[in-house]
Amino acid sequence: MPVLVIYHPECDQNFRSDYHSAFQQWINNNPVHTNQNIRFDQALVLNGLHPTSSFYDPNPDPHVTVQLSTPALRAQRQWYVLHWRPDGGSVVLRRPDSEEANEKRKTRRKGKKQRRRQRDKDAKDSRGGRGGGSGASTTMGALQLPFSVSEDEELLKEDRDFIMRMMKLDPRDRPTAKDLLQDGWFKS
């Protein structure tokens, strides 16, 4: 029985005209795509060729995202994701997906993005001159910078300065290991 190919309304029209027959032939010649030997009967093509990669599909070559399903998966509102590449290297991601899982991922990504923006803003503020000196007693929001609770007697100024050079928030501001090994701190 052939796999029914459905195109999402947002699917790229160029993909439909350029790759429809190649995809139709590929999906019907390869109906079993998972290690669980699931025989899919429906393929929903979501978009056109686009380059992305993920943990489960590190190949950065452009692919089309396709939802593969069976009656049992559709009853559970689940599907498998296929990254189809016209030139080969297609892969079915190893776990079924669902709207609920997608929402959780979106929420996690949004939280990560917000935390990254806050860290970047805090780092920019700390480089803007607030705190003075080595920044050893500066606090940024809930993030405490190194040595903010240490006493001056516990750490020599030279030691503190050397360590602070290695702990710059922006990696581009950090010296290389070679530069650090040539520092006067090692000679004292």
Protein backbone atom coordinates (compact mmCIF):
# COMPACT_ATOMS: atom_id res chain seq x y z
CA MET A 1 0.00 0.00 0.00
CA PRO A 2 1.54 3.36 -1.00
CA VAL A 3 2.31 6.02 1.58
CA LEU A 4 -0.09 8.96 1.35
CA VAL A 5 1.91 12.20 0.90
CA ILE A 6 0.21 15.36 2.17
CA TYR A 7 1.63 18.86 1.90
CA HIS A 8 1.18 21.37 4.72
CA PRO A 9 -0.21 24.72 3.46
CA GLU A 10 3.08 26.40 4.44
CA CYS A 11 5.16 23.91 2.46
CA ASP A 12 7.34 25.58 -0.15
CA GLN A 13 5.69 25.44 -3.59
CA ASN A 14 9.12 25.09 -5.23
CA PHE A 15 9.73 21.90 -3.26
CA ARG A 16 6.42 20.50 -4.45
CA SER A 17 7.21 21.19 -8.10
CA ASP A 18 10.91 20.22 -7.99
CA TYR A 19 10.98 17.23 -5.62
CA HIS A 20 7.45 15.78 -5.39
CA SER A 21 8.04 12.76 -7.62
CA ALA A 22 11.51 12.05 -6.13
CA PHE A 23 10.10 12.17 -2.59
CA GLN A 24 7.03 10.10 -3.52
CA GLN A 25 9.27 7.44 -5.05
CA TRP A 26 11.68 7.46 -2.09
CA ILE A 27 8.97 7.25 0.60
CA ASN A 28 7.17 4.38 -1.17
CA ASN A 29 10.37 2.43 -1.77
CA ASN A 30 11.39 2.88 1.90
CA PRO A 31 8.17 2.55 3.95
CA VAL A 32 9.92 1.15 7.06
CA HIS A 33 12.14 3.85 8.50
CA THR A 34 12.70 3.15 12.20
CA ASN A 35 14.50 0.55 14.23
CA GLN A 36 11.06 -0.43 15.61
CA ASN A 37 10.06 -1.57 12.08
CA ILE A 38 7.07 0.74 11.93
CA ARG A 39 5.45 0.81 8.51
CA PHE A 40 4.24 4.37 7.98
CA ASP A 41 1.18 5.03 5.88
CA GLN A 42 1.14 8.85 5.85
CA ALA A 43 3.77 11.54 5.30
CA LEU A 44 3.01 15.21 6.02
CA VAL A 45 5.60 17.45 4.33
CA LEU A 46 5.92 20.56 6.51
CA ASN A 47 8.33 22.87 4.68
CA GLY A 48 10.87 23.25 1.92
CA LEU A 49 14.59 22.59 1.98
CA HIS A 50 16.30 24.30 4.91
CA PRO A 51 19.64 23.77 6.68
CA THR A 52 19.53 22.84 10.36
CA SER A 53 21.18 20.27 12.54
CA SER A 54 20.40 18.73 15.89
CA PHE A 55 21.77 16.19 18.34
CA TYR A 56 19.91 13.39 16.56
CA ASP A 57 20.71 14.65 13.05
CA PRO A 58 24.05 16.50 13.00
CA ASN A 59 24.12 16.62 9.17
CA PRO A 60 23.92 20.35 8.25
CA ASP A 61 22.89 19.69 4.62
CA PRO A 62 19.47 21.13 3.69
CA HIS A 63 16.54 18.85 4.37
CA VAL A 64 12.76 18.83 4.34
CA THR A 65 10.93 18.09 7.60
CA VAL A 66 8.26 15.41 7.26
CA GLN A 67 5.90 13.97 9.89
CA LEU A 68 5.52 10.22 9.42
CA SER A 69 2.57 8.47 11.03
CA THR A 70 0.36 5.42 11.30
CA PRO A 71 -3.26 5.15 12.45
CA ALA A 72 -2.07 4.15 15.95
CA LEU A 73 0.33 7.12 16.19
CA ARG A 74 -2.33 9.53 14.90
CA ALA A 75 -4.77 8.25 17.54
CA GLN A 76 -2.18 9.25 20.17
CA ARG A 77 -1.47 12.53 18.34
CA GLN A 78 2.14 11.45 17.77
CA TRP A 79 4.44 11.09 14.77
CA TYR A 80 8.03 10.46 13.82
CA VAL A 81 10.10 13.20 12.21
CA LEU A 82 11.93 12.51 8.96
CA HIS A 83 14.65 14.82 7.67
CA TRP A 84 14.56 13.97 3.96
CA ARG A 85 17.47 15.01 1.76
CA PRO A 86 17.14 14.69 -2.02
CA ASP A 87 20.84 13.76 -2.36
CA GLY A 88 20.77 11.09 0.38
CA GLY A 89 21.53 11.16 4.07
CA SER A 90 17.88 11.16 5.13
CA VAL A 91 17.19 10.22 8.74
CA VAL A 92 14.18 9.49 10.92
CA LEU A 93 14.63 10.91 14.40
CA ARG A 94 14.60 8.10 16.92
CA ARG A 95 11.61 9.01 19.13
CA PRO A 96 8.00 9.81 18.38
CA ASP A 97 7.11 13.47 18.65
CA SER A 98 3.92 15.27 19.71
CA GLU A 99 2.42 18.75 20.12
CA GLU A 100 2.97 18.51 23.89
CA ALA A 101 6.67 17.69 23.41
CA ASN A 102 6.99 20.54 20.90
CA GLU A 103 5.48 23.00 23.39
CA LYS A 104 7.87 21.85 26.12
CA ARG A 105 10.84 22.32 23.77
CA LYS A 106 9.63 25.79 22.76
CA THR A 107 9.26 26.78 26.43
CA ARG A 108 12.76 25.46 27.24
CA ARG A 109 14.28 27.28 24.25
CA LYS A 110 12.51 30.51 25.20
CA GLY A 111 13.82 30.24 28.79
CA LYS A 112 17.36 29.56 27.56
CA LYS A 113 17.18 32.54 25.22
CA GLN A 114 15.97 34.82 28.03
CA ARG A 115 18.72 33.61 30.38
CA ARG A 116 21.35 34.11 27.65
CA ARG A 117 20.11 37.67 27.02
CA GLN A 118 20.23 38.42 30.75
CA ARG A 119 23.79 37.01 31.04
CA ASP A 120 24.89 39.09 28.05
CA LYS A 121 23.29 42.20 29.52
CA ASP A 122 24.88 41.54 32.92
CA ALA A 123 28.29 40.96 31.32
CA LYS A 124 27.95 44.16 29.31
CA ASP A 125 26.99 46.07 32.46
CA SER A 126 29.96 44.65 34.38
CA ARG A 127 32.36 45.70 31.60
CA GLY A 128 30.79 49.15 31.64
CA GLY A 129 32.82 50.15 34.69
CA ARG A 130 30.52 49.26 37.54
CA GLY A 131 32.22 47.75 40.56
CA GLY A 132 35.70 49.12 39.95
CA GLY A 133 39.05 47.41 40.45
CA SER A 134 39.16 43.75 39.60
CA GLY A 135 35.41 43.41 39.97
CA ALA A 136 36.01 41.05 42.87
CA SER A 137 33.19 42.45 44.99
CA THR A 138 30.61 42.99 42.23
CA THR A 139 27.25 41.23 42.29
CA MET A 140 25.08 41.00 39.15
CA GLY A 141 21.45 40.14 39.88
CA ALA A 142 21.43 36.68 41.49
CA LEU A 143 24.81 35.90 39.91
CA GLN A 144 27.73 36.45 42.25
CA LEU A 145 31.09 37.16 40.70
CA PRO A 146 34.17 35.29 41.91
CA PHE A 147 35.72 36.45 45.21
CA SER A 148 32.70 38.52 46.18
CA VAL A 149 32.74 36.95 49.63
CA SER A 150 36.50 36.46 50.11
CA GLU A 151 38.48 38.74 52.36
CA ASP A 152 41.52 40.65 51.12
CA GLU A 153 43.77 38.75 53.56
CA GLU A 154 42.73 35.42 52.04
CA LEU A 155 43.94 36.21 48.53
CA LEU A 156 46.83 38.35 47.40
CA LYS A 157 46.05 41.09 44.89
CA GLU A 158 48.42 39.51 42.32
CA ASP A 159 46.67 36.13 42.68
CA ARG A 160 43.25 37.72 42.42
CA ASP A 161 44.25 39.73 39.31
CA PHE A 162 45.73 36.65 37.60
CA ILE A 163 42.64 34.53 38.27
CA MET A 164 40.28 37.31 37.19
CA ARG A 165 42.08 37.51 33.83
CA MET A 166 41.19 33.84 33.25
CA MET A 167 37.60 34.30 34.37
CA LYS A 168 36.44 37.01 31.98
CA LEU A 169 32.78 36.48 31.12
CA ASP A 170 33.35 36.98 27.40
CA PRO A 171 35.73 34.30 26.07
CA ARG A 172 37.10 36.77 23.52
CA ASP A 173 38.44 38.85 26.42
CA ARG A 174 40.32 35.91 27.98
CA PRO A 175 44.04 35.41 27.37
CA THR A 176 45.26 32.18 25.79
CA ALA A 177 46.97 29.50 27.87
CA LYS A 178 50.26 30.46 26.19
CA ASP A 179 49.79 34.10 27.26
CA LEU A 180 49.01 33.02 30.82
CA LEU A 181 52.10 30.82 31.03
CA GLN A 182 54.24 33.83 30.10
CA ASP A 183 52.63 35.98 32.81
CA GLY A 184 54.82 37.38 35.57
CA TRP A 185 52.63 35.61 38.12
CA PHE A 186 54.47 32.32 37.38
CA LYS A 187 57.84 33.98 37.92
CA SER A 188 56.98 35.41 41.34
